[in-house]
Amino acid sequence: MKIAVAAALALTAGAAYAGPVVTYSVSGSAGNWTLDFSVQNTLNPADMDIYFFGVELDTGRNIAGSPAGYDPNVWPAWDNIAYGGSSTVYNNNWIDLSFANLMPGNTLSGFQALYTGASAPTSVKYFCYGTSQSGGQYSGNDYFNHAGNPGFEGIANVPAPASFAVMGLAGVFASRRRR
């Protein structure tokens, strides 16, 4: 009985949606770091493209690369306050006016900016906007602006593959201890 109730609740709950996933890699050395941002489109509906993306770096605007179709020169500075987001001024921004280069289920990297600090940043503020060419509406509740043109803000981090290795080793030691 409990299983049937749980299954019925799962079917009626509907899908949960979340904003895009943004990470970055770092290369270079002190005073000359290249940050390469990757944006994973997890939005719905199936044609909701992520067309506008930007980051805020405290060392200023310094774009080093752009994915095909994204122009880094349309908005050198951008904030989301007029659209219900924060007043953070994003100073490295890319826009795709074809609205077709980062569709749901895809990840795009190559959003590159130079960071001139002594140490590479461990986290970076970002924003992005999505839009559907068919007029579809985003059905999550984690956005600002409106469902036809949802905006998202967050903190991008460098993925930590070393932490996965540590967790794996902990699992090996735990299994050995049980024997």
Protein backbone atom coordinates (compact mmCIF):
# COMPACT_ATOMS: atom_id res chain seq x y z
CA MET A 1 0.00 0.00 0.00
CA LYS A 2 2.76 2.44 0.95
CA ILE A 3 4.55 1.79 -2.35
CA ALA A 4 1.36 2.46 -4.36
CA VAL A 5 0.79 5.77 -2.52
CA ALA A 6 4.41 6.83 -3.08
CA ALA A 7 4.17 5.95 -6.78
CA ALA A 8 0.94 7.91 -7.18
CA LEU A 9 2.45 10.95 -5.48
CA ALA A 10 5.53 10.75 -7.71
CA LEU A 11 3.37 10.65 -10.85
CA THR A 12 1.26 13.62 -9.83
CA ALA A 13 4.13 15.76 -8.55
CA GLY A 14 5.36 16.58 -12.04
CA ALA A 15 8.90 17.27 -13.10
CA ALA A 16 11.07 19.58 -11.05
CA TYR A 17 13.15 22.05 -13.02
CA ALA A 18 16.19 24.01 -12.07
CA GLY A 19 18.18 26.79 -13.62
CA PRO A 20 21.29 26.25 -15.71
CA VAL A 21 24.48 24.75 -14.32
CA VAL A 22 27.58 26.93 -14.66
CA THR A 23 31.13 25.82 -13.87
CA TYR A 24 34.56 26.94 -15.01
CA SER A 25 38.10 25.73 -15.40
CA VAL A 26 41.23 27.74 -14.63
CA SER A 27 44.55 27.77 -16.44
CA GLY A 28 47.54 30.11 -16.37
CA SER A 29 49.49 31.65 -13.54
CA ALA A 30 49.43 34.58 -11.10
CA GLY A 31 48.23 37.75 -12.80
CA ASN A 32 47.27 35.91 -16.00
CA TRP A 33 44.51 33.38 -15.29
CA THR A 34 42.17 32.20 -18.05
CA LEU A 35 38.72 31.28 -16.77
CA ASP A 36 36.76 29.10 -19.22
CA PHE A 37 33.08 28.99 -18.31
CA SER A 38 30.77 26.11 -19.28
CA VAL A 39 27.01 26.57 -19.28
CA GLN A 40 24.72 23.54 -19.18
CA ASN A 41 21.18 24.23 -20.36
CA THR A 42 18.77 22.38 -18.06
CA LEU A 43 15.76 24.54 -18.95
CA ASN A 44 12.38 23.62 -20.39
CA PRO A 45 10.57 23.71 -22.83
CA ALA A 46 12.64 21.81 -25.39
CA ASP A 47 13.38 24.97 -27.42
CA MET A 48 14.37 27.31 -24.53
CA ASP A 49 17.78 28.56 -25.65
CA ILE A 50 20.24 30.22 -23.27
CA TYR A 51 21.13 33.28 -25.31
CA PHE A 52 22.67 35.73 -22.81
CA PHE A 53 25.41 34.93 -20.28
CA GLY A 54 27.75 37.03 -18.19
CA VAL A 55 30.11 37.01 -15.23
CA GLU A 56 31.34 39.60 -12.76
CA LEU A 57 35.10 39.74 -12.25
CA ASP A 58 36.64 42.15 -9.75
CA THR A 59 39.65 42.64 -12.06
CA GLY A 60 37.41 44.10 -14.79
CA ARG A 61 36.29 43.36 -18.30
CA ASN A 62 38.77 41.19 -20.17
CA ILE A 63 37.16 38.73 -22.57
CA ALA A 64 39.61 36.23 -24.05
CA GLY A 65 37.31 34.00 -26.09
CA SER A 66 33.74 33.39 -27.18
CA PRO A 67 31.80 30.36 -28.39
CA ALA A 68 30.67 30.50 -32.02
CA GLY A 69 27.62 32.74 -32.39
CA TYR A 70 28.10 34.67 -29.12
CA ASP A 71 29.07 38.35 -29.39
CA PRO A 72 31.02 39.76 -26.40
CA ASN A 73 30.72 43.39 -27.50
CA VAL A 74 26.98 44.15 -27.43
CA TRP A 75 26.75 44.84 -23.66
CA PRO A 76 30.12 45.54 -22.00
CA ALA A 77 28.30 46.02 -18.66
CA TRP A 78 24.94 44.63 -17.52
CA ASP A 79 22.86 44.46 -14.34
CA ASN A 80 19.54 42.73 -13.73
CA ILE A 81 17.91 45.17 -11.33
CA ALA A 82 15.31 46.41 -13.84
CA TYR A 83 14.23 42.80 -14.44
CA GLY A 84 13.92 41.68 -10.81
CA GLY A 85 17.47 40.43 -10.36
CA SER A 86 20.39 41.86 -8.40
CA SER A 87 22.27 45.12 -8.86
CA THR A 88 25.54 43.25 -9.50
CA VAL A 89 27.29 44.76 -12.51
CA TYR A 90 28.43 41.94 -14.78
CA ASN A 91 31.40 43.11 -16.81
CA ASN A 92 32.11 40.13 -19.10
CA ASN A 93 29.02 39.33 -21.19
CA TRP A 94 28.17 37.28 -24.26
CA ILE A 95 24.92 37.32 -26.28
CA ASP A 96 23.63 35.13 -29.10
CA LEU A 97 21.02 37.02 -31.10
CA SER A 98 20.18 33.95 -33.22
CA PHE A 99 18.66 32.32 -30.08
CA ALA A 100 19.77 28.87 -31.24
CA ASN A 101 23.25 27.97 -29.95
CA LEU A 102 22.62 26.53 -26.48
CA MET A 103 19.49 24.41 -26.48
CA PRO A 104 18.25 22.24 -23.55
CA GLY A 105 20.35 19.18 -22.80
CA ASN A 106 23.52 20.77 -24.18
CA THR A 107 26.59 22.25 -22.53
CA LEU A 108 28.66 24.98 -24.13
CA SER A 109 32.11 26.15 -23.04
CA GLY A 110 34.44 28.77 -24.46
CA PHE A 111 33.09 31.75 -22.53
CA GLN A 112 36.62 32.86 -21.62
CA ALA A 113 37.80 35.80 -19.55
CA LEU A 114 41.22 36.76 -18.23
CA TYR A 115 41.59 37.33 -14.51
CA THR A 116 44.60 39.39 -13.44
CA GLY A 117 44.55 38.74 -9.69
CA ALA A 118 47.41 37.08 -7.83
CA SER A 119 45.26 34.00 -7.11
CA ALA A 120 42.60 32.52 -9.34
CA PRO A 121 39.06 33.00 -7.98
CA THR A 122 37.37 30.00 -6.38
CA SER A 123 33.88 31.25 -7.28
CA VAL A 124 32.42 33.78 -9.70
CA LYS A 125 28.97 35.43 -9.90
CA TYR A 126 27.08 34.76 -13.14
CA PHE A 127 23.76 35.46 -14.83
CA CYS A 128 22.00 34.08 -17.88
CA TYR A 129 18.70 34.41 -19.71
CA GLY A 130 16.70 31.90 -21.72
CA THR A 131 14.01 32.29 -24.35
CA SER A 132 11.78 30.02 -26.39
CA GLN A 133 11.24 30.79 -30.07
CA SER A 134 7.84 29.09 -29.94
CA GLY A 135 6.65 31.27 -27.05
CA GLY A 136 7.00 28.47 -24.51
CA GLN A 137 7.15 29.24 -20.80
CA TYR A 138 9.75 28.03 -18.29
CA SER A 139 7.93 26.05 -15.61
CA GLY A 140 10.45 26.26 -12.76
CA ASN A 141 10.14 28.78 -9.96
CA ASP A 142 13.83 29.72 -9.55
CA TYR A 143 14.01 32.65 -11.98
CA PHE A 144 13.46 36.40 -12.18
CA ASN A 145 11.94 38.44 -15.04
CA HIS A 146 9.15 36.29 -16.58
CA ALA A 147 8.59 32.68 -17.62
CA GLY A 148 8.93 33.48 -21.35
CA ASN A 149 12.35 35.08 -20.79
CA PRO A 150 13.61 33.73 -17.46
CA GLY A 151 16.74 35.15 -15.89
CA PHE A 152 19.00 33.33 -13.47
CA GLU A 153 21.82 34.43 -11.18
CA GLY A 154 24.19 32.25 -9.21
CA ILE A 155 27.71 31.39 -8.22
CA ALA A 156 29.91 29.35 -10.56
CA ASN A 157 32.57 27.13 -9.04
CA VAL A 158 35.49 25.14 -10.34
CA PRO A 159 34.46 21.46 -10.29
CA ALA A 160 36.47 19.50 -7.73
CA PRO A 161 37.26 16.06 -9.18
CA ALA A 162 39.73 15.47 -6.35
CA SER A 163 36.85 15.43 -3.87
CA PHE A 164 35.28 12.52 -5.77
CA ALA A 165 38.55 10.59 -5.51
CA VAL A 166 38.66 11.21 -1.76
CA MET A 167 35.08 9.97 -1.39
CA GLY A 168 35.98 6.87 -3.40
CA LEU A 169 38.95 6.12 -1.16
CA ALA A 170 36.80 6.60 1.92
CA GLY A 171 34.39 4.02 0.51
CA VAL A 172 37.23 1.53 -0.06
CA PHE A 173 38.48 1.97 3.50
CA ALA A 174 34.97 1.66 4.92
CA SER A 175 34.34 -1.58 3.02
CA ARG A 176 37.66 -3.03 4.19
CA ARG A 177 36.87 -2.15 7.78
CA ARG A 178 33.55 -4.05 7.70
CA ARG A 179 35.21 -7.31 6.71
